[in-house]
Structures are given as structure tokens and as C-alpha cells.
Protein backbone atom coordinates (compact mmCIF):
# COMPACT_ATOMS: atom_id res chain seq x y z
CA UNK A 1 -6.75 33.18 -9.43
CA UNK A 2 -9.54 35.01 -8.10
CA UNK A 3 -12.86 33.42 -8.60
CA UNK A 4 -14.44 35.83 -11.07
CA UNK A 5 -11.55 34.59 -13.57
CA UNK A 6 -11.93 30.74 -12.86
CA UNK A 7 -13.15 28.42 -15.98
CA UNK A 8 -16.89 28.01 -15.70
CA UNK A 9 -19.14 25.37 -17.34
CA UNK A 10 -22.38 26.08 -18.75
CA UNK A 11 -24.64 24.16 -20.77
CA UNK A 12 -27.23 24.84 -23.52
CA UNK A 13 -29.26 23.53 -26.08
CA UNK A 14 -29.21 23.81 -29.56
CA UNK A 15 -30.75 22.67 -32.93
CA UNK A 16 -28.86 22.92 -36.36
CA UNK A 17 -29.71 22.61 -39.90
CA UNK A 18 -27.01 21.42 -41.98
CA UNK A 19 -27.02 21.41 -46.22
CA UNK A 20 -26.17 18.49 -48.40
CA UNK A 21 -22.35 19.15 -47.26
CA UNK A 22 -22.92 19.21 -43.35
CA UNK A 23 -22.31 22.55 -43.29
CA UNK A 24 -24.42 24.07 -40.64
CA UNK A 25 -26.74 26.77 -42.33
CA UNK A 26 -28.95 27.29 -39.43
CA UNK A 27 -28.88 26.95 -35.95
CA UNK A 28 -30.62 28.05 -32.51
CA UNK A 29 -29.86 28.26 -29.02
CA UNK A 30 -32.13 27.70 -25.96
CA UNK A 31 -32.22 26.99 -22.26
CA UNK A 32 -34.01 23.96 -22.06
CA UNK A 33 -34.49 20.82 -24.08
CA UNK A 34 -38.37 21.42 -24.51
CA UNK A 35 -37.87 25.35 -26.01
CA UNK A 36 -35.44 23.80 -28.67
CA UNK A 37 -37.37 21.02 -29.83
CA UNK A 38 -40.09 23.02 -30.15
CA UNK A 39 -38.97 25.87 -31.92
CA UNK A 40 -36.76 23.05 -34.12
CA UNK A 41 -37.37 22.76 -37.75
CA UNK A 42 -38.46 19.36 -38.70
CA UNK A 43 -35.39 18.46 -40.31
CA UNK A 44 -32.86 19.80 -37.35
CA UNK A 45 -30.60 18.15 -35.20
CA UNK A 46 -31.03 18.54 -31.69
CA UNK A 47 -27.83 18.80 -29.36
CA UNK A 48 -26.56 19.23 -25.44
CA UNK A 49 -24.09 22.16 -25.78
CA UNK A 50 -21.49 22.33 -22.87
CA UNK A 51 -19.00 25.51 -22.64
CA UNK A 52 -15.72 25.59 -20.54
CA UNK A 53 -14.54 28.93 -20.58
CA UNK A 54 -14.93 32.48 -18.97
CA UNK A 55 -17.51 34.95 -20.75
CA UNK A 56 -16.01 37.87 -18.64
CA UNK A 57 -12.76 37.73 -20.16
CA UNK A 58 -13.78 36.17 -23.02
CA UNK A 59 -12.46 32.78 -23.12
CA UNK A 60 -14.18 29.72 -24.39
CA UNK A 61 -11.37 26.92 -23.43
CA UNK A 62 -13.64 24.20 -24.54
CA UNK A 63 -17.00 23.52 -26.27
CA UNK A 64 -18.50 19.89 -26.73
CA UNK A 65 -21.89 18.36 -28.57
CA UNK A 66 -23.83 15.85 -27.77
CA UNK A 67 -26.50 15.11 -30.24
CA UNK A 68 -29.68 13.60 -29.76
CA UNK A 69 -30.32 10.34 -31.46
CA UNK A 70 -34.03 8.15 -31.89
CA UNK A 71 -34.74 6.11 -29.16
CA UNK A 72 -35.33 2.45 -28.78
CA UNK A 73 -37.67 1.27 -31.35
CA UNK A 74 -37.49 4.53 -33.06
CA UNK A 75 -39.56 5.69 -30.26
CA UNK A 76 -38.73 9.39 -28.65
CA UNK A 77 -34.87 10.87 -28.48
CA UNK A 78 -32.00 10.13 -25.90
CA UNK A 79 -29.11 11.27 -25.63
CA UNK A 80 -25.63 9.52 -25.72
CA UNK A 81 -23.59 9.03 -22.35
CA UNK A 82 -20.60 11.20 -23.36
CA UNK A 83 -20.29 14.40 -25.03
CA UNK A 84 -17.87 14.53 -28.68
CA UNK A 85 -15.27 15.83 -26.26
CA UNK A 86 -15.18 13.03 -23.70
CA UNK A 87 -17.05 14.68 -21.01
CA UNK A 88 -19.69 12.67 -19.20
CA UNK A 89 -23.44 13.87 -19.90
CA UNK A 90 -24.94 14.81 -16.99
CA UNK A 91 -27.87 12.74 -15.81
CA UNK A 92 -30.16 15.84 -15.12
CA UNK A 93 -29.90 15.96 -19.15
CA UNK A 94 -30.82 12.67 -19.79
CA UNK A 95 -34.04 13.19 -17.67
CA UNK A 96 -34.85 16.16 -19.30
CA UNK A 97 -34.86 14.65 -23.11
CA UNK A 98 -36.73 11.54 -21.59
CA UNK A 99 -39.62 13.73 -19.75
């Protein structure tokens, strides 16, 4: 398989606002955690999104989310160790959240 057709892994940050049924009613996507957090509404959930696939041929094979959680003693935010698709969250994103 030529290199341009190989699946790639990419990451981005998103905020999501949900309604009383848990349905997403609004969202935004960003390159950095800082940009996402700055633009997120007060009641939004913030998540790291991992995409596996190939944008060139329009194939998204998998998508995983790691939602931020309130840190120890209610201070700051943290990321879980794994995305909801079972992939490990790279250490650089843990550092980005705690910076």
C-alpha cells in the first residue's frame, strides 16, 4: 500500500454542550487545549479526540474520545489514561492540560 493511502492518527480538542437527554446540541473543534478551553461555554465538556483514518480517500476508521475530569481536590482538569476506544492517551496531552 502506498504511503498516501495508509491510515493516519490525528488529534484535536473539542468542547460539547449537551441537552437534558445527553444529546450534543453544540460543539467546537480546536488544535490546542488552551484554544478550546478559552472558547468553550461554561457548561461544556472538553475532550481530546483521536481520529484514525485517511482524509485523502475519505476513510475514518475509528474515533476515540477522552473527556477531561475535575482534578484532585476539585482543582484544574485532568485526562484519563485511555480514550473510550481503548487507545492510550499520549503523555504530551496530559502535559498540555496541566500546563
